[in-house]
N, C-alpha and C. Protein backbone atom coordinates (compact mmCIF):
# COMPACT_ATOMS: atom_id res chain seq x y z
N MET A 1 0.85 -1.16 0.00
CA MET A 1 0.00 0.00 0.00
C MET A 1 0.90 1.23 0.00
N TRP A 2 0.50 2.27 -0.70
CA TRP A 2 1.25 3.51 -0.72
C TRP A 2 0.94 4.31 0.52
N ARG A 3 1.90 5.10 0.95
CA ARG A 3 1.67 5.98 2.08
C ARG A 3 1.76 7.42 1.62
N ASN A 4 0.88 8.25 2.16
CA ASN A 4 0.99 9.67 1.85
C ASN A 4 1.89 10.33 2.88
N ARG A 5 2.11 11.62 2.78
CA ARG A 5 3.06 12.30 3.66
C ARG A 5 2.66 12.26 5.12
N LYS A 6 1.38 12.16 5.39
CA LYS A 6 0.93 12.09 6.78
C LYS A 6 1.10 10.69 7.35
N GLY A 7 1.40 9.71 6.48
CA GLY A 7 1.69 8.36 6.94
C GLY A 7 0.50 7.57 7.41
N ASN A 8 -0.70 7.92 6.98
CA ASN A 8 -1.87 7.18 7.46
C ASN A 8 -2.20 5.97 6.60
N GLY A 9 -1.38 5.68 5.57
CA GLY A 9 -1.60 4.48 4.78
C GLY A 9 -2.53 4.65 3.61
N ARG A 10 -3.14 5.80 3.45
CA ARG A 10 -4.05 6.01 2.32
C ARG A 10 -3.37 6.87 1.27
N SER A 11 -3.50 6.47 0.04
CA SER A 11 -2.88 7.21 -1.05
C SER A 11 -3.83 8.26 -1.58
N LYS A 12 -3.29 9.40 -1.96
CA LYS A 12 -4.09 10.43 -2.61
C LYS A 12 -4.03 10.25 -4.12
N ARG A 13 -3.13 9.39 -4.60
CA ARG A 13 -2.95 9.17 -6.02
C ARG A 13 -4.17 8.46 -6.59
N ASN A 14 -4.92 9.15 -7.40
CA ASN A 14 -6.13 8.61 -8.02
C ASN A 14 -7.16 8.12 -7.01
N GLY A 15 -7.03 8.50 -5.75
CA GLY A 15 -7.97 8.07 -4.73
C GLY A 15 -7.86 6.60 -4.37
N LEU A 16 -6.79 5.94 -4.78
CA LEU A 16 -6.64 4.51 -4.53
C LEU A 16 -6.08 4.24 -3.14
N GLY A 17 -6.65 3.23 -2.48
CA GLY A 17 -6.10 2.74 -1.23
C GLY A 17 -5.12 1.63 -1.50
N ALA A 18 -5.38 0.82 -2.56
CA ALA A 18 -4.49 -0.29 -2.93
C ALA A 18 -4.79 -0.73 -4.35
N PHE A 19 -3.78 -1.33 -4.97
CA PHE A 19 -3.93 -1.90 -6.31
C PHE A 19 -3.22 -3.24 -6.30
N LEU A 20 -3.95 -4.31 -6.56
CA LEU A 20 -3.37 -5.65 -6.62
C LEU A 20 -3.37 -6.09 -8.07
N ASP A 21 -2.17 -6.23 -8.65
CA ASP A 21 -2.02 -6.50 -10.08
C ASP A 21 -2.23 -7.97 -10.41
N GLU A 22 -2.31 -8.26 -11.71
CA GLU A 22 -2.67 -9.60 -12.15
C GLU A 22 -1.64 -10.66 -11.81
N GLY A 23 -0.42 -10.32 -11.46
CA GLY A 23 0.56 -11.32 -11.06
C GLY A 23 0.37 -11.79 -9.63
N SER A 24 -0.51 -11.17 -8.88
CA SER A 24 -0.73 -11.51 -7.47
C SER A 24 -1.76 -12.61 -7.32
N GLU A 25 -1.53 -13.49 -6.32
CA GLU A 25 -2.50 -14.52 -5.96
C GLU A 25 -2.69 -14.47 -4.45
N ILE A 26 -3.95 -14.42 -4.03
CA ILE A 26 -4.27 -14.32 -2.61
C ILE A 26 -5.27 -15.41 -2.27
N GLU A 27 -5.04 -16.07 -1.13
CA GLU A 27 -6.00 -17.06 -0.65
C GLU A 27 -6.27 -16.76 0.82
N GLY A 28 -7.56 -16.69 1.18
CA GLY A 28 -7.94 -16.39 2.56
C GLY A 28 -8.85 -15.18 2.63
N SER A 29 -8.78 -14.47 3.75
CA SER A 29 -9.63 -13.29 3.97
C SER A 29 -8.84 -12.03 3.64
N TYR A 30 -9.50 -11.11 2.94
CA TYR A 30 -8.89 -9.82 2.59
C TYR A 30 -9.85 -8.73 3.00
N THR A 31 -9.39 -7.81 3.87
CA THR A 31 -10.20 -6.69 4.34
C THR A 31 -9.51 -5.40 3.92
N CYS A 32 -10.29 -4.44 3.40
CA CYS A 32 -9.68 -3.21 2.91
C CYS A 32 -10.59 -2.01 3.13
N THR A 33 -9.97 -0.83 3.13
CA THR A 33 -10.69 0.44 3.19
C THR A 33 -10.20 1.30 2.04
N GLY A 34 -10.96 2.33 1.72
CA GLY A 34 -10.60 3.17 0.57
C GLY A 34 -10.99 2.46 -0.71
N THR A 35 -10.59 3.02 -1.84
CA THR A 35 -10.87 2.41 -3.14
C THR A 35 -9.77 1.42 -3.45
N VAL A 36 -10.15 0.17 -3.72
CA VAL A 36 -9.18 -0.88 -4.02
C VAL A 36 -9.49 -1.45 -5.40
N VAL A 37 -8.45 -1.53 -6.25
CA VAL A 37 -8.57 -2.14 -7.57
C VAL A 37 -7.89 -3.50 -7.51
N LEU A 38 -8.63 -4.52 -7.89
CA LEU A 38 -8.14 -5.89 -7.82
C LEU A 38 -8.10 -6.48 -9.23
N ASP A 39 -6.90 -6.76 -9.74
CA ASP A 39 -6.74 -7.45 -11.01
C ASP A 39 -6.07 -8.80 -10.79
N ALA A 40 -6.03 -9.25 -9.56
CA ALA A 40 -5.33 -10.47 -9.17
C ALA A 40 -6.27 -11.67 -9.16
N ARG A 41 -5.71 -12.81 -8.78
CA ARG A 41 -6.49 -14.02 -8.49
C ARG A 41 -6.70 -14.04 -6.98
N LEU A 42 -7.94 -14.21 -6.56
CA LEU A 42 -8.23 -14.23 -5.13
C LEU A 42 -9.26 -15.30 -4.85
N ARG A 43 -9.00 -16.09 -3.82
CA ARG A 43 -9.94 -17.12 -3.39
C ARG A 43 -10.15 -16.97 -1.89
N GLY A 44 -11.41 -16.87 -1.47
CA GLY A 44 -11.70 -16.77 -0.05
C GLY A 44 -12.83 -15.82 0.26
N GLU A 45 -12.50 -14.72 0.92
CA GLU A 45 -13.51 -13.78 1.40
C GLU A 45 -12.95 -12.36 1.33
N ILE A 46 -13.77 -11.42 0.84
CA ILE A 46 -13.35 -10.02 0.75
C ILE A 46 -14.35 -9.16 1.50
N THR A 47 -13.84 -8.28 2.35
CA THR A 47 -14.66 -7.28 3.02
C THR A 47 -14.07 -5.91 2.69
N ALA A 48 -14.82 -5.11 1.94
CA ALA A 48 -14.36 -3.78 1.54
C ALA A 48 -15.28 -2.75 2.19
N LYS A 49 -14.72 -1.92 3.03
CA LYS A 49 -15.53 -0.92 3.73
C LYS A 49 -15.94 0.22 2.82
N ASP A 50 -15.25 0.37 1.70
CA ASP A 50 -15.57 1.44 0.76
C ASP A 50 -15.83 0.84 -0.63
N THR A 51 -15.01 1.18 -1.62
CA THR A 51 -15.23 0.74 -3.00
C THR A 51 -14.23 -0.33 -3.41
N LEU A 52 -14.73 -1.43 -3.95
CA LEU A 52 -13.90 -2.50 -4.50
C LEU A 52 -14.17 -2.58 -5.99
N ILE A 53 -13.11 -2.52 -6.79
CA ILE A 53 -13.22 -2.65 -8.24
C ILE A 53 -12.52 -3.94 -8.64
N ILE A 54 -13.28 -4.88 -9.17
CA ILE A 54 -12.71 -6.13 -9.67
C ILE A 54 -12.44 -5.91 -11.15
N GLY A 55 -11.16 -5.83 -11.51
CA GLY A 55 -10.74 -5.48 -12.86
C GLY A 55 -10.98 -6.58 -13.88
N GLU A 56 -10.79 -6.23 -15.15
CA GLU A 56 -11.05 -7.16 -16.26
C GLU A 56 -10.18 -8.40 -16.21
N ARG A 57 -8.98 -8.32 -15.67
CA ARG A 57 -8.08 -9.47 -15.63
C ARG A 57 -8.20 -10.27 -14.33
N ALA A 58 -9.08 -9.84 -13.44
CA ALA A 58 -9.23 -10.52 -12.15
C ALA A 58 -10.02 -11.81 -12.29
N VAL A 59 -9.63 -12.78 -11.46
CA VAL A 59 -10.39 -14.02 -11.31
C VAL A 59 -10.60 -14.19 -9.81
N VAL A 60 -11.83 -13.99 -9.37
CA VAL A 60 -12.14 -13.97 -7.94
C VAL A 60 -13.15 -15.07 -7.63
N GLU A 61 -12.79 -15.92 -6.67
CA GLU A 61 -13.71 -16.93 -6.13
C GLU A 61 -13.85 -16.60 -4.66
N ALA A 62 -14.88 -15.81 -4.32
CA ALA A 62 -14.97 -15.32 -2.95
C ALA A 62 -16.37 -14.85 -2.62
N THR A 63 -16.65 -14.84 -1.34
CA THR A 63 -17.81 -14.14 -0.81
C THR A 63 -17.38 -12.69 -0.65
N VAL A 64 -18.16 -11.76 -1.20
CA VAL A 64 -17.76 -10.35 -1.19
C VAL A 64 -18.78 -9.52 -0.43
N ARG A 65 -18.28 -8.70 0.50
CA ARG A 65 -19.09 -7.70 1.20
C ARG A 65 -18.41 -6.36 0.96
N ALA A 66 -19.18 -5.39 0.48
CA ALA A 66 -18.59 -4.07 0.18
C ALA A 66 -19.66 -3.00 0.29
N ALA A 67 -19.22 -1.76 0.38
CA ALA A 67 -20.16 -0.65 0.28
C ALA A 67 -20.55 -0.50 -1.19
N VAL A 68 -19.53 -0.35 -2.05
CA VAL A 68 -19.74 -0.25 -3.50
C VAL A 68 -18.85 -1.28 -4.17
N LEU A 69 -19.43 -2.06 -5.08
CA LEU A 69 -18.68 -3.06 -5.83
C LEU A 69 -18.86 -2.80 -7.32
N VAL A 70 -17.73 -2.73 -8.04
CA VAL A 70 -17.74 -2.61 -9.50
C VAL A 70 -17.03 -3.85 -10.03
N VAL A 71 -17.73 -4.62 -10.89
CA VAL A 71 -17.15 -5.85 -11.43
C VAL A 71 -16.93 -5.68 -12.92
N ARG A 72 -15.67 -5.88 -13.34
CA ARG A 72 -15.33 -5.86 -14.76
C ARG A 72 -14.79 -7.21 -15.21
N GLY A 73 -14.40 -8.05 -14.26
CA GLY A 73 -13.79 -9.35 -14.56
C GLY A 73 -14.69 -10.50 -14.17
N GLN A 74 -14.06 -11.58 -13.71
CA GLN A 74 -14.78 -12.80 -13.36
C GLN A 74 -14.90 -12.93 -11.85
N LEU A 75 -16.14 -13.14 -11.39
CA LEU A 75 -16.41 -13.30 -9.96
C LEU A 75 -17.32 -14.50 -9.76
N VAL A 76 -16.86 -15.45 -8.94
CA VAL A 76 -17.67 -16.59 -8.55
C VAL A 76 -17.86 -16.49 -7.04
N GLY A 77 -19.10 -16.26 -6.61
CA GLY A 77 -19.38 -16.13 -5.19
C GLY A 77 -20.51 -15.15 -4.96
N ASN A 78 -21.06 -15.18 -3.78
CA ASN A 78 -22.18 -14.30 -3.44
C ASN A 78 -21.68 -12.92 -3.03
N VAL A 79 -22.49 -11.91 -3.35
CA VAL A 79 -22.13 -10.51 -3.12
C VAL A 79 -23.20 -9.83 -2.28
N THR A 80 -22.78 -9.07 -1.28
CA THR A 80 -23.67 -8.21 -0.52
C THR A 80 -23.04 -6.82 -0.49
N ALA A 81 -23.77 -5.82 -0.98
CA ALA A 81 -23.26 -4.44 -0.97
C ALA A 81 -24.25 -3.56 -0.23
N SER A 82 -23.73 -2.66 0.59
CA SER A 82 -24.61 -1.79 1.36
C SER A 82 -25.11 -0.60 0.55
N GLU A 83 -24.41 -0.26 -0.57
CA GLU A 83 -24.83 0.89 -1.38
C GLU A 83 -25.17 0.52 -2.82
N ARG A 84 -24.23 -0.15 -3.53
CA ARG A 84 -24.41 -0.29 -4.97
C ARG A 84 -23.51 -1.39 -5.53
N VAL A 85 -24.02 -2.09 -6.56
CA VAL A 85 -23.22 -3.03 -7.34
C VAL A 85 -23.35 -2.64 -8.80
N GLU A 86 -22.21 -2.53 -9.49
CA GLU A 86 -22.19 -2.27 -10.93
C GLU A 86 -21.52 -3.45 -11.61
N ILE A 87 -22.23 -4.07 -12.55
CA ILE A 87 -21.68 -5.19 -13.31
C ILE A 87 -21.48 -4.69 -14.74
N LYS A 88 -20.22 -4.50 -15.10
CA LYS A 88 -19.87 -3.91 -16.39
C LYS A 88 -20.00 -4.94 -17.52
N GLY A 89 -19.99 -4.47 -18.75
CA GLY A 89 -20.20 -5.32 -19.92
C GLY A 89 -19.20 -6.45 -20.07
N SER A 90 -18.00 -6.31 -19.53
CA SER A 90 -16.97 -7.34 -19.64
C SER A 90 -17.04 -8.35 -18.50
N ALA A 91 -17.97 -8.19 -17.57
CA ALA A 91 -18.02 -9.01 -16.35
C ALA A 91 -18.81 -10.30 -16.53
N ARG A 92 -18.39 -11.29 -15.72
CA ARG A 92 -19.14 -12.54 -15.60
C ARG A 92 -19.23 -12.84 -14.10
N VAL A 93 -20.46 -12.80 -13.57
CA VAL A 93 -20.69 -13.03 -12.15
C VAL A 93 -21.52 -14.30 -12.00
N THR A 94 -20.99 -15.26 -11.23
CA THR A 94 -21.70 -16.49 -10.92
C THR A 94 -21.94 -16.49 -9.42
N GLY A 95 -23.18 -16.23 -9.02
CA GLY A 95 -23.51 -16.14 -7.61
C GLY A 95 -24.63 -15.13 -7.41
N ASP A 96 -25.12 -15.05 -6.20
CA ASP A 96 -26.22 -14.15 -5.88
C ASP A 96 -25.70 -12.76 -5.54
N VAL A 97 -26.47 -11.74 -5.93
CA VAL A 97 -26.11 -10.35 -5.71
C VAL A 97 -27.22 -9.69 -4.91
N GLU A 98 -26.85 -9.00 -3.83
CA GLU A 98 -27.82 -8.29 -3.00
C GLU A 98 -27.30 -6.89 -2.71
N ALA A 99 -28.12 -5.88 -3.07
CA ALA A 99 -27.74 -4.48 -2.85
C ALA A 99 -28.96 -3.59 -3.08
N PRO A 100 -28.96 -2.36 -2.54
CA PRO A 100 -30.07 -1.44 -2.81
C PRO A 100 -30.13 -1.02 -4.27
N VAL A 101 -28.97 -0.91 -4.92
CA VAL A 101 -28.91 -0.50 -6.33
C VAL A 101 -28.02 -1.50 -7.06
N VAL A 102 -28.54 -2.06 -8.16
CA VAL A 102 -27.76 -2.97 -9.01
C VAL A 102 -27.87 -2.46 -10.44
N VAL A 103 -26.71 -2.23 -11.07
CA VAL A 103 -26.66 -1.73 -12.44
C VAL A 103 -25.89 -2.74 -13.29
N MET A 104 -26.51 -3.18 -14.39
CA MET A 104 -25.84 -4.11 -15.31
C MET A 104 -25.75 -3.49 -16.69
N GLU A 105 -24.55 -3.53 -17.27
CA GLU A 105 -24.37 -3.05 -18.63
C GLU A 105 -24.68 -4.16 -19.62
N SER A 106 -24.97 -3.77 -20.84
CA SER A 106 -25.18 -4.72 -21.93
C SER A 106 -23.92 -5.56 -22.10
N GLY A 107 -24.10 -6.86 -22.24
CA GLY A 107 -22.97 -7.78 -22.40
C GLY A 107 -22.54 -8.45 -21.11
N ALA A 108 -22.95 -7.90 -19.97
CA ALA A 108 -22.61 -8.50 -18.68
C ALA A 108 -23.38 -9.80 -18.50
N VAL A 109 -22.77 -10.74 -17.75
CA VAL A 109 -23.42 -12.02 -17.48
C VAL A 109 -23.58 -12.17 -15.97
N LEU A 110 -24.81 -12.46 -15.54
CA LEU A 110 -25.10 -12.75 -14.14
C LEU A 110 -25.80 -14.09 -14.10
N ASP A 111 -25.13 -15.09 -13.51
CA ASP A 111 -25.71 -16.42 -13.35
C ASP A 111 -25.98 -16.60 -11.86
N GLY A 112 -27.16 -16.16 -11.43
CA GLY A 112 -27.52 -16.20 -10.02
C GLY A 112 -28.74 -15.33 -9.81
N GLN A 113 -29.09 -15.15 -8.56
CA GLN A 113 -30.25 -14.32 -8.24
C GLN A 113 -29.80 -12.91 -7.88
N CYS A 114 -30.67 -11.96 -8.19
CA CYS A 114 -30.41 -10.56 -7.86
C CYS A 114 -31.52 -10.10 -6.92
N ARG A 115 -31.13 -9.59 -5.77
CA ARG A 115 -32.10 -9.10 -4.80
C ARG A 115 -31.77 -7.65 -4.49
N MET A 116 -32.71 -6.77 -4.82
CA MET A 116 -32.51 -5.35 -4.54
C MET A 116 -33.19 -5.03 -3.21
N THR A 117 -32.38 -4.64 -2.24
CA THR A 117 -32.86 -4.37 -0.89
C THR A 117 -33.09 -2.88 -0.72
N LYS A 118 -33.83 -2.54 0.30
CA LYS A 118 -34.02 -1.13 0.63
C LYS A 118 -32.79 -0.63 1.36
N GLU A 119 -32.47 0.64 1.11
CA GLU A 119 -31.38 1.26 1.86
C GLU A 119 -31.82 1.41 3.30
N LYS A 120 -30.86 1.31 4.20
CA LYS A 120 -31.20 1.47 5.61
C LYS A 120 -31.62 2.91 5.86
N PRO A 121 -32.78 3.12 6.50
CA PRO A 121 -33.21 4.49 6.78
C PRO A 121 -32.32 5.12 7.85
N ALA A 122 -32.26 6.43 7.83
CA ALA A 122 -31.50 7.15 8.85
C ALA A 122 -32.16 6.93 10.21
N GLU A 123 -31.34 6.90 11.23
CA GLU A 123 -31.87 6.72 12.58
C GLU A 123 -32.70 7.94 12.95
N PRO A 124 -33.90 7.75 13.48
CA PRO A 124 -34.71 8.90 13.88
C PRO A 124 -34.07 9.61 15.07
N ALA A 125 -34.23 10.91 15.10
CA ALA A 125 -33.71 11.70 16.22
C ALA A 125 -34.56 11.43 17.46
N LEU A 126 -33.93 11.41 18.59
CA LEU A 126 -34.67 11.21 19.83
C LEU A 126 -35.41 12.50 20.17
N SER A 127 -36.61 12.35 20.68
CA SER A 127 -37.36 13.54 21.09
C SER A 127 -37.88 13.33 22.50
N LEU A 128 -38.02 14.40 23.18
CA LEU A 128 -38.49 14.36 24.55
C LEU A 128 -39.95 14.79 24.57
N VAL A 129 -40.79 13.97 25.16
CA VAL A 129 -42.21 14.29 25.26
C VAL A 129 -42.50 14.61 26.72
N VAL A 130 -43.01 15.82 26.95
CA VAL A 130 -43.32 16.25 28.31
C VAL A 130 -44.83 16.36 28.41
N PRO A 131 -45.44 15.63 29.36
CA PRO A 131 -46.89 15.73 29.50
C PRO A 131 -47.29 17.12 29.98
N MET A 132 -48.40 17.60 29.45
CA MET A 132 -48.88 18.94 29.82
C MET A 132 -49.95 18.79 30.90
N LYS A 133 -49.90 19.68 31.86
CA LYS A 133 -50.93 19.69 32.90
C LYS A 133 -51.99 20.69 32.50
N GLY A 134 -53.15 20.38 32.80
CA GLY A 134 -54.12 21.40 32.49
C GLY A 134 -55.46 20.98 32.41
């Protein structure tokens, strides 16, 4: 991961938190924050607190949880996104997809079920009710 001058581990370059190139192979659990571009082979489980982009050269066999997921490559596994899933024209997804917003481009392949959930409503503000005498 690149470090910026403040040393907090997040890169300001193109807004990327990490980039895993196609020569990389990962097996197991992968957790990330910020925008992550994955063009690697990955098998296991991915938890992305922000945006995960599965690139055109990626081959992913994993359960994926993310805020925003963009798929351009091959993904085998179930997906749960809290905000949005975008399946681009070059993508092939085998598994179930669940998110409030799902966008599929022409040419994309989804072999599984798609469930569009409601976004979580904002927590209501607490109010104080005072009984009136009278």
